[in-house]
Amino acid sequence: MIAAIERYLATGRAAGYSLSNVEYRLRSFARFAADHQQTHVRRTTAIDWSSQSGSVAQRHTRYRTICSFAAYVRLEDSRHELLPPNHFGYRKTRRVPYIYSKADIERTQPCLPRQVRRGAPQRLSSR
């Protein structure tokens, strides 16, 4: 599996990606798989390895790394299993942005320098 990981990383780096975190995770997975006498990506091995992380977000990141690698390496060797996406059910949520009303903007204007209030361009950084 290490040779396949090296090819995967070389391909990604040739495309311009640094992959330092991915490399760390893949090597960790390869050690875990070797400890379990696995030479190919298996769903249960990927889930067990990913489950060792503390948070759902970390488990998801580890699992997605193995999913991408498995899809790549399966093109060379069909004994690698394709993994179902989003096994841990993680979904990143973002806060709803606050949109300032015209009244909000007008309330902040007394705090601004007079030149900015009139719309005159002003350099905001010192020289």
Protein backbone atom coordinates (compact mmCIF):
# COMPACT_ATOMS: atom_id res chain seq x y z
CA MET A 1 0.00 0.00 0.00
CA ILE A 2 2.95 2.34 0.64
CA ALA A 3 3.94 2.27 -3.05
CA ALA A 4 0.38 3.22 -4.03
CA ILE A 5 0.42 6.06 -1.50
CA GLU A 6 3.71 7.34 -2.96
CA ARG A 7 2.20 7.34 -6.47
CA TYR A 8 -0.93 9.11 -5.20
CA LEU A 9 1.14 11.81 -3.48
CA ALA A 10 3.43 12.23 -6.50
CA THR A 11 0.42 12.70 -8.78
CA GLY A 12 -1.14 15.27 -6.46
CA ARG A 13 2.12 17.18 -6.05
CA ALA A 14 2.67 17.18 -9.81
CA ALA A 15 -0.72 18.91 -10.03
CA GLY A 16 0.49 21.58 -7.60
CA TYR A 17 -0.89 20.39 -4.25
CA SER A 18 1.36 20.25 -1.17
CA LEU A 19 -0.52 17.34 0.50
CA SER A 20 1.52 17.47 3.72
CA ASN A 21 -1.49 16.73 5.96
CA VAL A 22 -2.78 14.14 3.52
CA GLU A 23 0.61 12.44 3.50
CA TYR A 24 0.64 12.25 7.29
CA ARG A 25 -2.88 10.78 7.39
CA LEU A 26 -2.22 8.25 4.61
CA ARG A 27 0.99 7.01 6.21
CA SER A 28 -0.84 6.65 9.52
CA PHE A 29 -3.58 4.68 7.79
CA ALA A 30 -1.02 2.46 6.04
CA ARG A 31 0.60 1.63 9.40
CA PHE A 32 -2.82 0.87 10.89
CA ALA A 33 -3.76 -1.34 7.93
CA ALA A 34 -0.44 -3.18 8.09
CA ASP A 35 -0.95 -3.81 11.82
CA HIS A 36 -4.27 -5.43 10.86
CA GLN A 37 -2.66 -7.48 8.03
CA GLN A 38 -4.49 -5.48 5.34
CA THR A 39 -2.77 -4.80 2.00
CA HIS A 40 -5.76 -3.12 0.35
CA VAL A 41 -8.22 -0.44 1.38
CA ARG A 42 -11.16 -2.03 3.17
CA ARG A 43 -14.26 -0.24 4.40
CA THR A 44 -14.05 -1.65 7.92
CA THR A 45 -10.37 -0.77 8.24
CA ALA A 46 -10.96 2.79 7.04
CA ILE A 47 -13.87 3.26 9.46
CA ASP A 48 -11.95 1.77 12.38
CA TRP A 49 -8.91 3.98 11.69
CA SER A 50 -11.02 7.12 11.20
CA SER A 51 -12.97 6.40 14.39
CA GLN A 52 -9.84 6.85 16.47
CA SER A 53 -10.14 10.65 16.17
CA GLY A 54 -11.70 12.68 18.94
CA SER A 55 -14.24 14.77 17.03
CA VAL A 56 -16.72 14.07 14.27
CA ALA A 57 -15.01 16.66 12.07
CA GLN A 58 -11.63 14.93 12.48
CA ARG A 59 -13.16 11.52 11.77
CA HIS A 60 -14.78 12.94 8.65
CA THR A 61 -11.49 14.47 7.46
CA ARG A 62 -9.60 11.22 7.97
CA TYR A 63 -12.33 9.21 6.26
CA ARG A 64 -12.51 11.58 3.27
CA THR A 65 -8.74 11.29 2.83
CA ILE A 66 -9.05 7.51 2.58
CA CYS A 67 -12.07 7.81 0.24
CA SER A 68 -10.07 9.95 -2.20
CA PHE A 69 -7.08 7.64 -2.02
CA ALA A 70 -9.26 4.53 -2.48
CA ALA A 71 -10.94 5.99 -5.57
CA TYR A 72 -7.50 6.72 -7.07
CA VAL A 73 -5.85 3.42 -6.21
CA ARG A 74 -8.87 1.35 -7.29
CA LEU A 75 -8.17 2.42 -10.88
CA GLU A 76 -4.94 0.42 -10.64
CA ASP A 77 -6.20 -2.48 -8.52
CA SER A 78 -9.88 -3.39 -8.17
CA ARG A 79 -9.23 -5.27 -4.90
CA HIS A 80 -9.35 -1.89 -3.11
CA GLU A 81 -12.89 -1.13 -1.93
CA LEU A 82 -14.70 2.07 -2.83
CA LEU A 83 -15.94 3.71 0.33
CA PRO A 84 -19.42 5.20 0.72
CA PRO A 85 -19.30 8.98 1.12
CA ASN A 86 -19.99 10.74 4.41
CA HIS A 87 -20.04 7.65 6.63
CA PHE A 88 -19.95 9.73 9.83
CA GLY A 89 -22.77 12.05 8.75
CA TYR A 90 -20.72 15.19 9.31
CA ARG A 91 -22.02 18.42 7.85
CA LYS A 92 -20.22 21.68 8.38
CA THR A 93 -22.57 24.43 9.46
CA ARG A 94 -21.90 28.10 9.04
CA ARG A 95 -23.45 30.98 10.87
CA VAL A 96 -25.88 33.15 8.95
CA PRO A 97 -24.10 36.38 8.02
CA TYR A 98 -25.37 39.60 9.55
CA ILE A 99 -26.43 42.13 6.94
CA TYR A 100 -26.17 45.71 8.16
CA SER A 101 -29.24 47.87 7.56
CA LYS A 102 -28.98 51.47 6.43
CA ALA A 103 -29.84 52.57 9.98
CA ASP A 104 -26.97 50.44 11.37
CA ILE A 105 -24.55 52.08 8.97
CA GLU A 106 -25.78 55.56 9.79
CA ARG A 107 -25.36 54.91 13.54
CA THR A 108 -21.68 54.07 13.00
CA GLN A 109 -20.90 57.16 10.93
CA PRO A 110 -20.31 59.57 13.86
CA CYS A 111 -17.36 57.34 14.79
CA LEU A 112 -15.68 57.83 11.41
CA PRO A 113 -13.37 60.72 10.49
CA ARG A 114 -15.09 63.59 8.69
CA GLN A 115 -13.29 62.96 5.38
CA VAL A 116 -14.58 59.38 5.21
CA ARG A 117 -18.16 60.43 6.02
CA ARG A 118 -18.19 62.81 3.06
CA GLY A 119 -17.01 60.05 0.73
CA ALA A 120 -13.55 61.51 0.08
CA PRO A 121 -10.99 58.79 -0.50
CA GLN A 122 -8.61 58.40 2.40
CA ARG A 123 -5.60 56.24 2.95
CA LEU A 124 -6.39 53.97 5.90
CA SER A 125 -2.86 52.77 6.58
CA SER A 126 0.05 54.87 7.79
CA ARG A 127 3.00 55.52 5.54
